[in-house]
Amino acid sequence: MKYIAIATLALLAATPAPAQQGVSAGEIVVGTAQDLSGPIVNFSKAAVNGMRMRVDEINAAGGIHGRKLRLVVEDHGYDPKKAVLAAQKMVQQDKIFAALGSIGTPTAMAAMPIYLDAKVAHLFPLSGAREMYEPLAPLKFSFAAPYYDQIRAGIKRLVKEKGLKKVCTLYQDDDFGLEVMRGAEQGLKDVGAAFAERTTYKRGATDFSSQVGKMKEAGCDGVVMGTIIRETIGTIATAKKLDWNPVFVGTTASYSEIIHKLGGAAVNGFYSTCTVNNPYADDPSPKVREWFAAYKGKFNEDPTVFSVYGWEIINLFGMAANAAGKDLNPDTLNKAIEQTKFPADMFGADENTFSASKHLGTDRAMLCQIQDGKWKSVSEYLTN
């Protein structure tokens, strides 16, 4: 029996450790679930292109500890049920190591348990919801300042700078809109104020005349917008027709070049909280101009702010995986993210720092404004 036990121990010692899912001698497989067929396809298309651009750059530079990155892309059509199926497919068939940049709060919320239960990291989702990093859990990290914190700081700055006396809010009647409204409500409370009027709209609404009329009648000189793209443009256009010109401010949900491309002169002066600078061909930064030209040459279209988000997501993962070392696994990755300082980049993103008790990289945002048909940052990073 003694010899059998010794032989068994020797056999166990000689048995190789099970391979780490998504990590081989020459490759790291990551995945992203995007909306490639639904209401925000333009956002996802740009984000995926930005991701692919940074993947190619990292691979051309030798990869991460000799391993090349491979990106798997799945479409969920902004449908939570499809997001679950996409997650199951990437975890079980593609054997991804990490899910990066999941777009959409409801879709990310539905799919996140699939990833985390399989010890697949869910990193840097394209959502400003606090649920992307709360409650605290291993392999669950967000880099996006929450809508709540963005607008809380943003409205305080505008009240002080513009001398706003009566602030209203128009917000989408769902969790996103409520988060924006509550953040602004707290910001106003911080400066001894409160909303003069609140009004909502249902998702998909196209007529905002009653809401605008209600806010105008209340005499509001500032409006917090819990809106996305179409609703932002529609509300401001309606206000202009009624010869009402308050200060409008939204969140990163409405921080898009689509606003000024479709809204035209009417949206000049619109404020939004922002976490990066929108890229333009004539950007003041030579590095951004070079990046813009390279992106356009690669994809035959201008980059957008979502292209920047996608690039940054892969960039953050690359730095974290590099810091984790050659023995890349969920534990070393988690530790690396918690201990690595991610510096500000050429797009003006805030420095991201995490810890064992904080899985949000930054809660700060700037204020940006549309001036002469382009977004321009008009503040430093704001703190609450």
Protein backbone atom coordinates (compact mmCIF):
# COMPACT_ATOMS: atom_id res chain seq x y z
CA MET A 1 0.00 0.00 0.00
CA LYS A 2 2.90 2.31 0.80
CA TYR A 3 4.33 1.87 -2.71
CA ILE A 4 0.91 2.46 -4.29
CA ALA A 5 0.52 5.74 -2.36
CA ILE A 6 3.98 6.90 -3.42
CA ALA A 7 3.24 6.02 -7.04
CA THR A 8 -0.07 7.87 -6.89
CA LEU A 9 1.61 11.00 -5.52
CA ALA A 10 4.25 10.82 -8.20
CA LEU A 11 1.56 10.52 -10.88
CA LEU A 12 -0.33 13.52 -9.48
CA ALA A 13 2.85 15.58 -9.37
CA ALA A 14 3.54 14.76 -12.99
CA THR A 15 0.02 15.69 -14.15
CA PRO A 16 0.01 19.16 -15.73
CA ALA A 17 -2.24 21.82 -14.21
CA PRO A 18 -5.47 22.40 -16.13
CA ALA A 19 -5.11 25.04 -18.83
CA GLN A 20 -6.44 28.50 -18.13
CA GLN A 21 -9.51 29.22 -20.27
CA GLY A 22 -8.75 31.77 -22.96
CA VAL A 23 -5.01 31.80 -22.37
CA SER A 24 -2.56 29.69 -24.34
CA ALA A 25 1.15 29.90 -25.06
CA GLY A 26 0.56 32.30 -27.92
CA GLU A 27 -2.91 33.81 -27.47
CA ILE A 28 -5.33 35.57 -25.13
CA VAL A 29 -8.99 35.34 -26.19
CA VAL A 30 -11.31 38.14 -25.11
CA GLY A 31 -14.89 38.84 -26.09
CA THR A 32 -17.34 41.72 -26.34
CA ALA A 33 -21.15 41.74 -26.52
CA GLN A 34 -22.42 44.62 -28.62
CA ASP A 35 -25.57 45.91 -30.31
CA LEU A 36 -24.90 45.28 -33.99
CA SER A 37 -28.54 45.03 -35.08
CA GLY A 38 -30.58 47.18 -32.68
CA PRO A 39 -31.17 50.79 -31.66
CA ILE A 40 -27.56 51.75 -30.84
CA VAL A 41 -25.79 49.91 -33.65
CA ASN A 42 -23.82 53.03 -34.60
CA PHE A 43 -22.37 53.25 -31.10
CA SER A 44 -21.40 49.57 -31.06
CA LYS A 45 -19.95 49.56 -34.56
CA ALA A 46 -17.64 52.42 -33.63
CA ALA A 47 -16.72 50.82 -30.30
CA VAL A 48 -15.83 47.51 -31.97
CA ASN A 49 -13.70 49.30 -34.56
CA GLY A 50 -11.87 51.12 -31.77
CA MET A 51 -11.30 47.81 -29.99
CA ARG A 52 -9.99 46.16 -33.15
CA MET A 53 -7.65 49.05 -33.81
CA ARG A 54 -6.03 48.76 -30.36
CA VAL A 55 -5.88 44.94 -30.61
CA ASP A 56 -3.98 45.27 -33.90
CA GLU A 57 -1.65 47.85 -32.39
CA ILE A 58 -0.86 45.66 -29.38
CA ASN A 59 -0.31 42.60 -31.56
CA ALA A 60 1.93 44.52 -33.98
CA ALA A 61 4.05 45.55 -30.98
CA GLY A 62 4.56 41.91 -29.93
CA GLY A 63 1.44 41.24 -27.92
CA ILE A 64 1.29 40.77 -24.15
CA HIS A 65 4.19 38.70 -22.80
CA GLY A 66 4.47 37.15 -26.24
CA ARG A 67 0.77 36.36 -26.52
CA LYS A 68 -1.41 37.89 -29.25
CA LEU A 69 -4.87 39.20 -28.45
CA ARG A 70 -7.88 37.73 -30.27
CA LEU A 71 -11.21 39.55 -30.05
CA VAL A 72 -14.53 37.69 -30.35
CA VAL A 73 -17.54 39.91 -31.13
CA GLU A 74 -21.15 38.87 -30.50
CA ASP A 75 -24.38 40.76 -31.27
CA HIS A 76 -27.14 41.07 -28.65
CA GLY A 77 -29.31 43.63 -30.47
CA TYR A 78 -29.79 45.48 -27.14
CA ASP A 79 -31.93 42.56 -25.96
CA PRO A 80 -31.12 41.17 -22.47
CA LYS A 81 -32.17 37.64 -23.49
CA LYS A 82 -29.82 37.72 -26.48
CA ALA A 83 -27.10 39.13 -24.25
CA VAL A 84 -27.37 36.03 -22.05
CA LEU A 85 -27.11 33.77 -25.12
CA ALA A 86 -24.12 35.72 -26.38
CA ALA A 87 -22.41 35.38 -23.00
CA GLN A 88 -23.08 31.63 -22.88
CA LYS A 89 -21.69 31.21 -26.37
CA MET A 90 -18.51 33.16 -25.69
CA VAL A 91 -17.89 31.43 -22.35
CA GLN A 92 -18.72 27.88 -23.39
CA GLN A 93 -17.69 27.76 -27.06
CA ASP A 94 -15.18 30.54 -27.63
CA LYS A 95 -13.64 30.01 -24.17
CA ILE A 96 -12.96 33.70 -23.63
CA PHE A 97 -10.75 34.82 -20.77
CA ALA A 98 -12.48 38.18 -20.26
CA ALA A 99 -15.59 40.04 -21.45
CA LEU A 100 -14.71 43.63 -22.30
CA GLY A 101 -16.82 46.72 -22.98
CA SER A 102 -20.30 45.16 -22.76
CA ILE A 103 -22.66 47.84 -24.06
CA GLY A 104 -25.96 48.74 -22.40
CA THR A 105 -27.04 48.59 -18.77
CA PRO A 106 -29.94 46.09 -19.10
CA THR A 107 -27.93 43.76 -21.34
CA ALA A 108 -24.83 43.88 -19.16
CA MET A 109 -26.89 43.28 -16.03
CA ALA A 110 -28.52 40.21 -17.56
CA ALA A 111 -25.28 38.66 -18.82
CA MET A 112 -22.85 39.56 -16.04
CA PRO A 113 -23.69 36.53 -13.82
CA ILE A 114 -22.85 34.19 -16.72
CA TYR A 115 -19.34 35.62 -16.94
CA LEU A 116 -18.61 35.95 -13.25
CA ASP A 117 -19.90 32.46 -12.37
CA ALA A 118 -17.40 31.08 -14.90
CA LYS A 119 -14.58 33.25 -13.47
CA VAL A 120 -14.53 35.26 -16.70
CA ALA A 121 -13.72 38.88 -15.94
CA HIS A 122 -16.39 41.47 -16.79
CA LEU A 123 -14.37 44.61 -17.40
CA PHE A 124 -14.99 48.23 -18.34
CA PRO A 125 -18.60 48.01 -19.65
CA LEU A 126 -20.07 50.82 -21.73
CA SER A 127 -22.59 51.80 -19.08
CA GLY A 128 -22.76 54.55 -16.49
CA ALA A 129 -24.76 52.46 -14.02
CA ARG A 130 -23.42 51.86 -10.53
CA GLU A 131 -24.36 48.17 -10.83
CA MET A 132 -21.37 47.76 -13.15
CA TYR A 133 -19.08 47.80 -10.11
CA GLU A 134 -21.46 47.40 -7.15
CA PRO A 135 -21.79 45.29 -5.13
CA LEU A 136 -18.04 44.65 -4.93
CA ALA A 137 -17.01 41.34 -6.51
CA PRO A 138 -13.84 39.82 -7.97
CA LEU A 139 -13.36 40.34 -11.73
CA LYS A 140 -16.04 43.07 -11.88
CA PHE A 141 -14.58 46.49 -12.73
CA SER A 142 -15.91 49.67 -14.34
CA PHE A 143 -14.04 52.64 -15.76
CA ALA A 144 -17.03 54.89 -16.49
CA ALA A 145 -17.99 57.65 -14.08
CA PRO A 146 -21.60 56.89 -13.10
CA TYR A 147 -24.41 59.06 -14.43
CA TYR A 148 -25.28 59.93 -10.84
CA ASP A 149 -21.83 61.36 -10.05
CA GLN A 150 -21.42 63.01 -13.46
CA ILE A 151 -24.57 65.07 -13.30
CA ARG A 152 -24.32 65.76 -9.57
CA ALA A 153 -21.02 67.55 -10.14
CA GLY A 154 -22.03 69.05 -13.48
CA ILE A 155 -25.21 70.75 -12.33
CA LYS A 156 -23.47 72.22 -9.28
CA ARG A 157 -20.85 73.82 -11.53
CA LEU A 158 -23.48 75.25 -13.89
CA VAL A 159 -25.65 76.62 -11.08
CA LYS A 160 -22.64 78.50 -9.74
CA GLU A 161 -21.21 79.64 -13.08
CA LYS A 162 -24.49 80.54 -14.78
CA GLY A 163 -26.36 81.75 -11.72
CA LEU A 164 -29.25 79.37 -12.37
CA LYS A 165 -32.26 80.04 -10.16
CA LYS A 166 -34.85 77.53 -11.35
CA VAL A 167 -33.70 74.13 -12.58
CA CYS A 168 -36.09 71.65 -14.19
CA THR A 169 -35.52 68.09 -15.36
CA LEU A 170 -36.77 66.00 -18.25
CA TYR A 171 -35.82 62.34 -18.01
CA GLN A 172 -36.59 58.98 -19.53
CA ASP A 173 -39.07 57.00 -17.43
CA ASP A 174 -36.74 54.11 -16.60
CA ASP A 175 -33.72 53.23 -14.45
CA PHE A 176 -31.37 55.31 -16.59
CA GLY A 177 -33.51 58.42 -16.35
CA LEU A 178 -34.06 57.98 -12.63
CA GLU A 179 -30.32 57.71 -12.05
CA VAL A 180 -29.74 61.02 -13.84
CA MET A 181 -32.60 62.73 -12.02
CA ARG A 182 -31.43 61.50 -8.61
CA GLY A 183 -27.85 62.59 -9.23
CA ALA A 184 -28.97 66.09 -10.22
CA GLU A 185 -31.38 66.19 -7.30
CA GLN A 186 -28.49 65.54 -4.93
CA GLY A 187 -26.32 68.10 -6.72
CA LEU A 188 -28.99 70.76 -6.27
CA LYS A 189 -29.40 69.77 -2.64
CA ASP A 190 -25.64 70.20 -2.19
CA VAL A 191 -25.99 73.88 -3.18
CA GLY A 192 -29.22 74.48 -1.24
CA ALA A 193 -31.60 74.19 -4.17
CA ALA A 194 -34.26 71.82 -5.53
CA PHE A 195 -35.99 71.11 -8.82
CA ALA A 196 -38.61 73.66 -9.80
CA GLU A 197 -40.29 71.16 -12.14
CA ARG A 198 -39.93 67.48 -13.11
CA THR A 199 -41.28 65.84 -16.22
CA THR A 200 -40.74 62.49 -17.90
CA TYR A 201 -41.21 60.73 -21.23
CA LYS A 202 -41.58 57.11 -22.26
CA ARG A 203 -38.79 55.41 -24.17
CA GLY A 204 -39.39 55.87 -27.90
CA ALA A 205 -41.29 59.16 -27.53
CA THR A 206 -40.95 61.68 -30.37
CA ASP A 207 -43.16 64.58 -29.25
CA PHE A 208 -41.90 66.66 -26.31
CA SER A 209 -44.13 69.71 -26.69
CA SER A 210 -46.12 69.12 -23.49
CA GLN A 211 -43.00 68.55 -21.40
CA VAL A 212 -41.26 71.60 -22.83
CA GLY A 213 -44.37 73.73 -22.36
CA LYS A 214 -44.62 72.64 -18.74
CA MET A 215 -40.99 73.55 -18.00
CA LYS A 216 -41.23 76.88 -19.81
CA GLU A 217 -44.34 77.78 -17.84
CA ALA A 218 -42.45 77.00 -14.62
CA GLY A 219 -39.90 79.65 -15.62
CA CYS A 220 -36.94 77.29 -15.54
CA ASP A 221 -33.58 78.70 -16.65
CA GLY A 222 -31.78 75.35 -16.53
CA VAL A 223 -32.82 71.84 -17.62
CA VAL A 224 -31.15 68.56 -16.63
CA MET A 225 -31.63 66.08 -19.47
CA GLY A 226 -31.97 62.38 -18.66
CA THR A 227 -32.11 61.83 -22.41
CA ILE A 228 -30.07 60.06 -25.06
CA ILE A 229 -29.82 61.19 -28.71
CA ARG A 230 -33.15 61.66 -30.45
CA GLU A 231 -34.86 62.94 -27.29
CA THR A 232 -32.11 65.48 -26.66
CA ILE A 233 -32.36 66.92 -30.17
CA GLY A 234 -36.17 66.85 -30.14
CA THR A 235 -36.46 68.62 -26.80
CA ILE A 236 -34.03 71.41 -27.67
CA ALA A 237 -35.61 71.92 -31.12
CA THR A 238 -39.05 72.18 -29.51
CA ALA A 239 -37.75 74.73 -27.01
CA LYS A 240 -36.28 76.85 -29.80
CA LYS A 241 -39.64 76.89 -31.60
CA LEU A 242 -41.24 78.20 -28.42
CA ASP A 243 -38.51 80.86 -28.12
CA TRP A 244 -37.34 79.37 -24.83
CA ASN A 245 -33.58 79.18 -24.28
CA PRO A 246 -32.60 77.72 -20.90
CA VAL A 247 -29.25 76.08 -20.19
CA PHE A 248 -29.60 72.42 -21.21
CA VAL A 249 -27.20 69.83 -19.74
CA GLY A 250 -27.07 66.08 -20.30
CA THR A 251 -24.75 63.19 -19.43
CA THR A 252 -22.38 60.98 -21.39
CA ALA A 253 -25.52 59.27 -22.73
CA SER A 254 -26.00 62.34 -24.92
CA TYR A 255 -22.33 63.10 -25.50
CA SER A 256 -22.11 62.18 -29.17
CA GLU A 257 -21.21 63.85 -32.45
CA ILE A 258 -24.66 62.79 -33.67
CA ILE A 259 -26.14 65.58 -31.54
CA HIS A 260 -24.48 68.40 -33.47
CA LYS A 261 -24.56 66.60 -36.82
CA LEU A 262 -28.34 66.16 -36.70
CA GLY A 263 -29.28 69.00 -34.37
CA GLY A 264 -27.45 71.71 -36.30
CA ALA A 265 -27.38 75.28 -35.01
CA ALA A 266 -30.21 74.64 -32.55
CA VAL A 267 -27.98 72.55 -30.26
CA ASN A 268 -25.10 75.02 -30.09
CA GLY A 269 -24.55 75.79 -26.43
CA PHE A 270 -25.79 72.39 -25.21
CA TYR A 271 -23.74 71.06 -22.29
CA SER A 272 -22.97 67.46 -21.43
CA THR A 273 -20.83 65.75 -18.90
CA CYS A 274 -17.97 63.99 -20.66
CA THR A 275 -15.09 61.65 -19.80
CA VAL A 276 -12.95 62.00 -22.94
CA ASN A 277 -12.54 64.55 -25.70
CA ASN A 278 -14.51 63.87 -28.87
CA PRO A 279 -11.99 63.27 -31.68
CA TYR A 280 -11.88 65.54 -34.72
CA ALA A 281 -9.64 65.62 -37.80
CA ASP A 282 -8.31 69.04 -36.75
CA ASP A 283 -7.87 68.13 -33.08
CA PRO A 284 -5.35 70.37 -31.25
CA SER A 285 -3.34 67.27 -30.31
CA PRO A 286 -0.96 65.96 -33.03
CA LYS A 287 -1.26 62.45 -31.56
CA VAL A 288 -5.05 62.52 -31.82
CA ARG A 289 -4.89 63.89 -35.37
CA GLU A 290 -2.54 61.03 -36.30
CA TRP A 291 -4.81 58.50 -34.60
CA PHE A 292 -7.86 59.98 -36.37
CA ALA A 293 -6.17 59.63 -39.77
CA ALA A 294 -5.04 56.06 -39.04
CA TYR A 295 -8.55 55.05 -37.93
CA LYS A 296 -10.14 56.58 -41.01
CA GLY A 297 -7.61 54.86 -43.24
CA LYS A 298 -8.35 51.52 -41.58
CA PHE A 299 -12.15 51.67 -41.48
CA ASN A 300 -12.95 54.25 -44.18
CA GLU A 301 -15.00 56.39 -41.79
CA ASP A 302 -14.42 59.05 -39.17
CA PRO A 303 -13.96 57.85 -35.60
CA THR A 304 -16.48 58.86 -32.93
CA VAL A 305 -16.32 59.10 -29.18
CA PHE A 306 -17.36 55.43 -29.06
CA SER A 307 -14.33 54.58 -31.18
CA VAL A 308 -12.28 56.20 -28.44
CA TYR A 309 -14.12 54.25 -25.73
CA GLY A 310 -13.43 50.98 -27.57
CA TRP A 311 -9.74 51.82 -28.00
CA GLU A 312 -9.44 52.73 -24.32
CA ILE A 313 -11.12 49.52 -23.12
CA ILE A 314 -8.60 47.32 -24.93
CA ASN A 315 -5.79 49.63 -23.84
CA LEU A 316 -6.79 49.27 -20.17
CA PHE A 317 -7.05 45.50 -20.48
CA GLY A 318 -3.67 45.34 -22.20
CA MET A 319 -2.00 47.27 -19.38
CA ALA A 320 -3.71 45.10 -16.74
CA ALA A 321 -2.81 41.81 -18.47
CA ASN A 322 0.77 42.98 -18.88
CA ALA A 323 0.96 43.85 -15.18
CA ALA A 324 -0.46 40.42 -14.30
CA GLY A 325 2.67 38.80 -15.74
CA LYS A 326 3.22 35.62 -17.71
CA ASP A 327 1.03 33.58 -15.36
CA LEU A 328 -2.19 35.19 -16.53
CA ASN A 329 -5.27 33.88 -14.73
CA PRO A 330 -8.34 35.40 -13.04
CA ASP A 331 -6.56 35.88 -9.73
CA THR A 332 -3.45 37.55 -11.14
CA LEU A 333 -5.58 39.75 -13.38
CA ASN A 334 -7.83 40.83 -10.51
CA LYS A 335 -4.81 41.67 -8.36
CA ALA A 336 -3.12 43.56 -11.19
CA ILE A 337 -6.17 45.77 -11.81
CA GLU A 338 -6.50 46.54 -8.10
CA GLN A 339 -2.83 47.54 -7.85
CA THR A 340 -2.10 49.23 -11.20
CA LYS A 341 -2.41 52.97 -11.80
CA PHE A 342 -3.80 53.60 -15.30
CA PRO A 343 -2.61 57.04 -16.46
CA ALA A 344 -4.57 59.66 -18.39
CA ASP A 345 -4.29 59.19 -22.14
CA MET A 346 -4.11 61.32 -25.28
CA PHE A 347 -7.91 61.63 -25.40
CA GLY A 348 -8.06 63.39 -22.04
CA ALA A 349 -9.44 60.43 -20.07
CA ASP A 350 -9.08 60.69 -16.32
CA GLU A 351 -6.50 58.60 -14.48
CA ASN A 352 -8.04 55.30 -13.38
CA THR A 353 -7.11 53.77 -10.03
CA PHE A 354 -8.70 50.76 -8.38
CA SER A 355 -8.22 48.95 -5.08
CA ALA A 356 -9.40 45.87 -3.23
CA SER A 357 -12.34 47.92 -1.93
CA LYS A 358 -12.96 50.12 -5.01
CA HIS A 359 -13.69 48.64 -8.44
CA LEU A 360 -14.57 51.93 -10.15
CA GLY A 361 -11.63 53.61 -11.87
CA THR A 362 -12.90 57.18 -11.53
CA ASP A 363 -16.09 58.95 -10.50
CA ARG A 364 -15.10 62.25 -12.11
CA ALA A 365 -16.31 63.86 -15.33
CA MET A 366 -15.73 67.13 -17.15
CA LEU A 367 -18.23 69.49 -18.69
CA CYS A 368 -18.25 69.68 -22.47
CA GLN A 369 -20.25 72.06 -24.67
CA ILE A 370 -21.17 72.23 -28.34
CA GLN A 371 -19.52 75.36 -29.72
CA ASP A 372 -19.66 76.19 -33.43
CA GLY A 373 -20.81 72.68 -34.26
CA LYS A 374 -18.18 70.76 -32.26
CA TRP A 375 -17.80 69.41 -28.76
CA LYS A 376 -15.28 71.26 -26.61
CA SER A 377 -14.28 70.52 -23.01
CA VAL A 378 -15.00 73.60 -20.87
CA SER A 379 -13.98 72.46 -17.40
CA GLU A 380 -11.43 70.45 -15.50
CA TYR A 381 -12.44 67.10 -14.02
CA LEU A 382 -15.10 67.86 -11.41
CA THR A 383 -15.39 66.27 -7.98
CA ASN A 384 -18.37 66.02 -5.65
